[in-house]
């Protein structure tokens, strides 16, 4: 049996830009992607801590060290600059492996720099 298990989480990301005219997705600083083990085009769930909105989209790599968290296309309607987000990715695993799975979790400060890793 396969189970859907949390693989990675970026906590307290601050939205730095919204671009309604882009074709879709969320742009994330490449350094943050590396730290959280998320790759470009990977599906993520995004939770807006300010509004409670939840969406699914895919990731676009942003410039390393930029701190960019950009909501694009329709996702730009789900947040405004300054909103705080949780960004989560999941993996399918066999139950025997899932029980010991430890997700990569990074917690960001107000400038989208890594404050803590788990």
N, C-alpha and C. Protein backbone atom coordinates (compact mmCIF):
# COMPACT_ATOMS: atom_id res chain seq x y z
N UNK A 1 0.84 -1.17 0.00
CA UNK A 1 0.00 0.00 0.00
C UNK A 1 0.89 1.25 0.00
N UNK A 2 0.52 2.23 -0.81
CA UNK A 2 1.23 3.50 -0.81
C UNK A 2 0.47 4.53 0.01
N UNK A 3 1.21 5.35 0.71
CA UNK A 3 0.62 6.43 1.50
C UNK A 3 1.24 7.75 1.05
N UNK A 4 0.47 8.82 1.13
CA UNK A 4 0.97 10.15 0.81
C UNK A 4 1.51 10.75 2.10
N UNK A 5 2.81 11.05 2.13
CA UNK A 5 3.52 11.48 3.34
C UNK A 5 4.19 12.83 3.08
N UNK A 6 4.21 13.67 4.10
CA UNK A 6 4.90 14.95 4.01
C UNK A 6 6.39 14.71 3.76
N UNK A 7 6.92 15.32 2.70
CA UNK A 7 8.33 15.20 2.35
C UNK A 7 9.11 16.43 2.77
N UNK A 8 8.53 17.61 2.52
CA UNK A 8 9.23 18.86 2.75
C UNK A 8 8.25 19.94 3.16
N UNK A 9 8.73 20.90 3.97
CA UNK A 9 7.89 22.03 4.35
C UNK A 9 8.75 23.27 4.52
N UNK A 10 8.29 24.36 3.92
CA UNK A 10 8.88 25.68 4.13
C UNK A 10 7.88 26.45 4.97
N UNK A 11 8.27 26.82 6.18
CA UNK A 11 7.38 27.51 7.11
C UNK A 11 7.65 29.01 7.13
N UNK A 12 6.57 29.77 7.21
CA UNK A 12 6.61 31.23 7.40
C UNK A 12 7.27 31.97 6.25
N UNK A 13 7.12 31.45 5.03
CA UNK A 13 7.60 32.18 3.85
C UNK A 13 6.76 33.43 3.67
N UNK A 14 7.41 34.54 3.34
CA UNK A 14 6.70 35.80 3.13
C UNK A 14 6.60 36.08 1.63
N UNK A 15 5.39 36.33 1.15
CA UNK A 15 5.18 36.64 -0.26
C UNK A 15 5.87 37.96 -0.59
N UNK A 16 6.74 37.93 -1.61
CA UNK A 16 7.48 39.12 -2.01
C UNK A 16 6.95 39.73 -3.30
N UNK A 17 6.19 38.95 -4.06
CA UNK A 17 5.63 39.48 -5.31
C UNK A 17 4.44 38.66 -5.74
N UNK A 18 3.54 39.31 -6.46
CA UNK A 18 2.39 38.65 -7.08
C UNK A 18 2.32 39.11 -8.52
N UNK A 19 2.18 38.15 -9.45
CA UNK A 19 2.17 38.46 -10.87
C UNK A 19 1.01 37.73 -11.53
N UNK A 20 -0.12 38.41 -11.60
CA UNK A 20 -1.33 37.81 -12.16
C UNK A 20 -1.16 37.44 -13.64
N UNK A 21 -0.33 38.16 -14.36
CA UNK A 21 -0.19 37.94 -15.80
C UNK A 21 0.71 36.75 -16.15
N UNK A 22 1.42 36.18 -15.17
CA UNK A 22 2.25 35.02 -15.43
C UNK A 22 1.36 33.80 -15.61
N UNK A 23 1.83 32.78 -16.28
CA UNK A 23 0.98 31.64 -16.63
C UNK A 23 0.64 30.72 -15.45
N UNK A 24 1.26 30.89 -14.31
CA UNK A 24 0.89 30.09 -13.14
C UNK A 24 2.07 29.65 -12.33
N UNK A 25 1.84 29.21 -11.12
CA UNK A 25 2.84 28.61 -10.24
C UNK A 25 3.28 29.51 -9.10
N UNK A 26 4.28 29.03 -8.36
CA UNK A 26 4.91 29.78 -7.29
C UNK A 26 6.41 29.80 -7.54
N UNK A 27 7.01 30.98 -7.49
CA UNK A 27 8.45 31.12 -7.65
C UNK A 27 9.08 31.12 -6.26
N UNK A 28 10.12 30.29 -6.07
CA UNK A 28 10.78 30.15 -4.78
C UNK A 28 12.29 30.24 -4.98
N UNK A 29 12.95 31.05 -4.15
CA UNK A 29 14.41 31.19 -4.15
C UNK A 29 15.04 29.79 -4.22
N UNK A 30 15.96 29.61 -5.15
CA UNK A 30 16.59 28.31 -5.38
C UNK A 30 17.32 27.79 -4.14
N UNK A 31 17.88 28.67 -3.32
CA UNK A 31 18.53 28.23 -2.08
C UNK A 31 17.52 27.57 -1.14
N UNK A 32 16.31 28.12 -1.09
CA UNK A 32 15.26 27.56 -0.24
C UNK A 32 14.80 26.21 -0.78
N UNK A 33 14.70 26.12 -2.11
CA UNK A 33 14.33 24.83 -2.72
C UNK A 33 15.35 23.76 -2.36
N UNK A 34 16.64 24.08 -2.49
CA UNK A 34 17.70 23.12 -2.15
C UNK A 34 17.59 22.67 -0.70
N UNK A 35 17.42 23.63 0.20
CA UNK A 35 17.36 23.32 1.63
C UNK A 35 16.15 22.45 1.98
N UNK A 36 15.06 22.64 1.26
CA UNK A 36 13.82 21.90 1.55
C UNK A 36 13.66 20.65 0.68
N UNK A 37 14.62 20.38 -0.20
CA UNK A 37 14.54 19.23 -1.10
C UNK A 37 13.28 19.27 -1.97
N UNK A 38 13.05 20.43 -2.58
CA UNK A 38 11.96 20.62 -3.53
C UNK A 38 12.61 20.99 -4.86
N UNK A 39 12.10 20.43 -5.95
CA UNK A 39 12.70 20.71 -7.26
C UNK A 39 11.72 21.49 -8.15
N UNK A 40 12.25 22.19 -9.15
CA UNK A 40 11.37 22.90 -10.08
C UNK A 40 10.36 21.94 -10.71
N UNK A 41 9.17 22.44 -10.91
CA UNK A 41 8.02 21.72 -11.47
C UNK A 41 7.37 20.74 -10.50
N UNK A 42 7.91 20.61 -9.29
CA UNK A 42 7.29 19.73 -8.30
C UNK A 42 5.97 20.34 -7.82
N UNK A 43 4.99 19.49 -7.62
CA UNK A 43 3.70 19.93 -7.10
C UNK A 43 3.83 20.26 -5.62
N UNK A 44 3.26 21.39 -5.22
CA UNK A 44 3.26 21.79 -3.81
C UNK A 44 1.87 22.25 -3.40
N UNK A 45 1.62 22.12 -2.11
CA UNK A 45 0.42 22.69 -1.51
C UNK A 45 0.87 23.96 -0.80
N UNK A 46 0.14 25.05 -1.01
CA UNK A 46 0.47 26.33 -0.41
C UNK A 46 -0.69 26.74 0.49
N UNK A 47 -0.37 27.04 1.75
CA UNK A 47 -1.37 27.48 2.71
C UNK A 47 -1.05 28.91 3.11
N UNK A 48 -2.01 29.80 2.91
CA UNK A 48 -1.84 31.20 3.29
C UNK A 48 -2.21 31.32 4.76
N UNK A 49 -1.25 31.66 5.61
CA UNK A 49 -1.49 31.76 7.04
C UNK A 49 -2.35 32.98 7.40
N UNK A 50 -2.39 33.97 6.51
CA UNK A 50 -3.20 35.16 6.77
C UNK A 50 -4.67 34.94 6.48
N UNK A 51 -4.97 34.15 5.44
CA UNK A 51 -6.37 34.00 5.02
C UNK A 51 -6.92 32.58 5.19
N UNK A 52 -6.04 31.61 5.33
CA UNK A 52 -6.48 30.22 5.41
C UNK A 52 -6.64 29.56 4.05
N UNK A 53 -6.46 30.32 2.96
CA UNK A 53 -6.60 29.75 1.61
C UNK A 53 -5.57 28.66 1.39
N UNK A 54 -5.98 27.60 0.69
CA UNK A 54 -5.10 26.49 0.34
C UNK A 54 -5.20 26.26 -1.16
N UNK A 55 -4.04 26.16 -1.80
CA UNK A 55 -4.02 25.88 -3.23
C UNK A 55 -2.93 24.86 -3.52
N UNK A 56 -3.03 24.23 -4.68
CA UNK A 56 -1.96 23.38 -5.20
C UNK A 56 -1.46 24.01 -6.47
N UNK A 57 -0.16 23.99 -6.65
CA UNK A 57 0.47 24.54 -7.84
C UNK A 57 1.80 23.84 -8.03
N UNK A 58 2.62 24.35 -8.93
CA UNK A 58 3.95 23.78 -9.14
C UNK A 58 5.00 24.86 -8.94
N UNK A 59 6.23 24.43 -8.75
CA UNK A 59 7.32 25.32 -8.36
C UNK A 59 8.13 25.78 -9.57
N UNK A 60 8.50 27.06 -9.54
CA UNK A 60 9.48 27.63 -10.47
C UNK A 60 10.66 28.10 -9.63
N UNK A 61 11.85 27.82 -10.10
CA UNK A 61 13.07 28.22 -9.40
C UNK A 61 13.28 29.73 -9.53
N UNK A 62 13.56 30.38 -8.38
CA UNK A 62 13.88 31.80 -8.35
C UNK A 62 15.36 32.00 -8.12
N UNK A 63 15.83 33.20 -8.32
CA UNK A 63 17.25 33.51 -8.18
C UNK A 63 17.77 33.15 -6.80
N UNK A 64 18.94 32.50 -6.78
CA UNK A 64 19.59 32.10 -5.52
C UNK A 64 19.85 33.32 -4.64
N UNK A 65 19.47 33.21 -3.37
CA UNK A 65 19.74 34.26 -2.40
C UNK A 65 18.82 35.47 -2.49
N UNK A 66 17.85 35.43 -3.42
CA UNK A 66 16.96 36.58 -3.61
C UNK A 66 15.87 36.67 -2.55
N UNK A 67 15.54 35.53 -1.93
CA UNK A 67 14.44 35.51 -0.98
C UNK A 67 13.08 35.57 -1.64
N UNK A 68 13.03 35.42 -2.95
CA UNK A 68 11.77 35.55 -3.67
C UNK A 68 10.80 34.43 -3.32
N UNK A 69 9.58 34.83 -3.04
CA UNK A 69 8.42 33.95 -2.95
C UNK A 69 7.35 34.65 -3.76
N UNK A 70 7.14 34.19 -4.98
CA UNK A 70 6.24 34.88 -5.89
C UNK A 70 5.04 34.04 -6.26
N UNK A 71 3.88 34.61 -6.07
CA UNK A 71 2.64 33.96 -6.46
C UNK A 71 2.31 34.41 -7.87
N UNK A 72 2.10 33.46 -8.78
CA UNK A 72 1.94 33.76 -10.20
C UNK A 72 0.61 33.25 -10.74
N UNK A 73 0.13 33.91 -11.79
CA UNK A 73 -1.11 33.49 -12.44
C UNK A 73 -2.27 33.49 -11.46
N UNK A 74 -3.11 32.48 -11.55
CA UNK A 74 -4.27 32.38 -10.66
C UNK A 74 -3.89 32.33 -9.19
N UNK A 75 -2.72 31.78 -8.89
CA UNK A 75 -2.26 31.72 -7.49
C UNK A 75 -2.06 33.11 -6.91
N UNK A 76 -1.82 34.10 -7.78
CA UNK A 76 -1.64 35.48 -7.32
C UNK A 76 -2.92 36.04 -6.70
N UNK A 77 -4.05 35.42 -6.98
CA UNK A 77 -5.33 35.84 -6.38
C UNK A 77 -5.48 35.31 -4.95
N UNK A 78 -4.58 34.42 -4.55
CA UNK A 78 -4.70 33.75 -3.25
C UNK A 78 -3.79 34.35 -2.19
N UNK A 79 -3.06 35.41 -2.51
CA UNK A 79 -2.16 36.03 -1.54
C UNK A 79 -1.84 37.45 -1.99
N UNK A 80 -1.34 38.24 -1.06
CA UNK A 80 -0.83 39.56 -1.36
C UNK A 80 0.58 39.66 -0.78
N UNK A 81 1.36 40.59 -1.31
CA UNK A 81 2.71 40.79 -0.80
C UNK A 81 2.64 41.00 0.71
N UNK A 82 3.48 40.28 1.44
CA UNK A 82 3.51 40.36 2.90
C UNK A 82 2.81 39.22 3.60
N UNK A 83 1.92 38.49 2.88
CA UNK A 83 1.27 37.33 3.50
C UNK A 83 2.31 36.27 3.82
N UNK A 84 2.05 35.50 4.87
CA UNK A 84 2.94 34.41 5.26
C UNK A 84 2.33 33.09 4.80
N UNK A 85 3.22 32.20 4.31
CA UNK A 85 2.78 30.93 3.72
C UNK A 85 3.46 29.73 4.34
N UNK A 86 2.78 28.60 4.27
CA UNK A 86 3.39 27.28 4.44
C UNK A 86 3.41 26.66 3.05
N UNK A 87 4.54 26.09 2.67
CA UNK A 87 4.67 25.45 1.36
C UNK A 87 5.09 24.00 1.62
N UNK A 88 4.26 23.05 1.17
CA UNK A 88 4.50 21.65 1.49
C UNK A 88 4.53 20.78 0.25
N UNK A 89 5.44 19.81 0.25
CA UNK A 89 5.46 18.81 -0.81
C UNK A 89 5.31 17.43 -0.16
N UNK A 90 4.80 16.51 -0.93
CA UNK A 90 4.49 15.17 -0.43
C UNK A 90 5.12 14.12 -1.32
N UNK A 91 5.22 12.90 -0.80
CA UNK A 91 5.76 11.78 -1.56
C UNK A 91 4.90 10.55 -1.28
N UNK A 92 4.80 9.68 -2.27
CA UNK A 92 4.13 8.39 -2.08
C UNK A 92 5.16 7.39 -1.60
N UNK A 93 4.83 6.68 -0.52
CA UNK A 93 5.77 5.72 0.06
C UNK A 93 5.02 4.48 0.51
N UNK A 94 5.74 3.39 0.51
CA UNK A 94 5.22 2.17 1.12
C UNK A 94 5.08 2.41 2.62
N UNK A 95 4.10 1.80 3.25
CA UNK A 95 3.85 1.98 4.67
C UNK A 95 5.10 1.70 5.51
N UNK A 96 5.83 0.65 5.17
CA UNK A 96 7.01 0.28 5.94
C UNK A 96 8.06 1.40 5.95
N UNK A 97 8.14 2.15 4.88
CA UNK A 97 9.09 3.27 4.80
C UNK A 97 8.48 4.55 5.39
N UNK A 98 7.19 4.71 5.24
CA UNK A 98 6.51 5.93 5.69
C UNK A 98 6.57 6.11 7.20
N UNK A 99 6.57 5.02 7.94
CA UNK A 99 6.54 5.15 9.41
C UNK A 99 7.82 5.76 9.97
N UNK A 100 8.89 5.75 9.21
CA UNK A 100 10.14 6.34 9.69
C UNK A 100 10.53 7.59 8.91
N UNK A 101 9.69 8.01 7.97
CA UNK A 101 9.98 9.19 7.15
C UNK A 101 10.04 10.45 8.01
N UNK A 102 11.12 11.19 7.89
CA UNK A 102 11.27 12.47 8.57
C UNK A 102 11.30 13.57 7.50
N UNK A 103 10.32 14.45 7.49
CA UNK A 103 10.32 15.49 6.47
C UNK A 103 11.42 16.52 6.70
N UNK A 104 11.88 17.13 5.60
CA UNK A 104 12.79 18.27 5.72
C UNK A 104 11.92 19.49 5.97
N UNK A 105 12.23 20.22 7.03
CA UNK A 105 11.46 21.41 7.39
C UNK A 105 12.42 22.56 7.56
N UNK A 106 12.14 23.66 6.86
CA UNK A 106 12.92 24.87 7.09
C UNK A 106 11.95 25.97 7.53
N UNK A 107 12.37 26.74 8.49
CA UNK A 107 11.59 27.86 9.01
C UNK A 107 12.32 29.14 8.62
N UNK A 108 11.58 30.08 8.04
CA UNK A 108 12.18 31.31 7.53
C UNK A 108 11.93 32.48 8.47
N UNK A 109 12.81 33.48 8.38
CA UNK A 109 12.57 34.73 9.11
C UNK A 109 11.78 35.67 8.19
N UNK A 110 11.57 36.89 8.61
CA UNK A 110 10.78 37.85 7.85
C UNK A 110 11.38 38.27 6.53
N UNK A 111 12.66 37.92 6.29
CA UNK A 111 13.33 38.24 5.02
C UNK A 111 13.51 37.00 4.15
N UNK A 112 12.79 35.94 4.48
CA UNK A 112 12.88 34.66 3.74
C UNK A 112 14.28 34.07 3.75
N UNK A 113 14.97 34.24 4.85
CA UNK A 113 16.25 33.58 5.07
C UNK A 113 16.01 32.46 6.07
N UNK A 114 16.76 31.37 5.93
CA UNK A 114 16.56 30.20 6.80
C UNK A 114 16.96 30.55 8.23
N UNK A 115 16.01 30.38 9.12
CA UNK A 115 16.19 30.63 10.54
C UNK A 115 16.45 29.33 11.30
N UNK A 116 15.83 28.24 10.81
CA UNK A 116 15.94 26.96 11.50
C UNK A 116 15.70 25.84 10.49
N UNK A 117 16.41 24.72 10.65
CA UNK A 117 16.22 23.52 9.82
C UNK A 117 15.94 22.34 10.73
N UNK A 118 15.04 21.46 10.27
CA UNK A 118 14.76 20.23 11.01
C UNK A 118 14.87 19.07 10.06
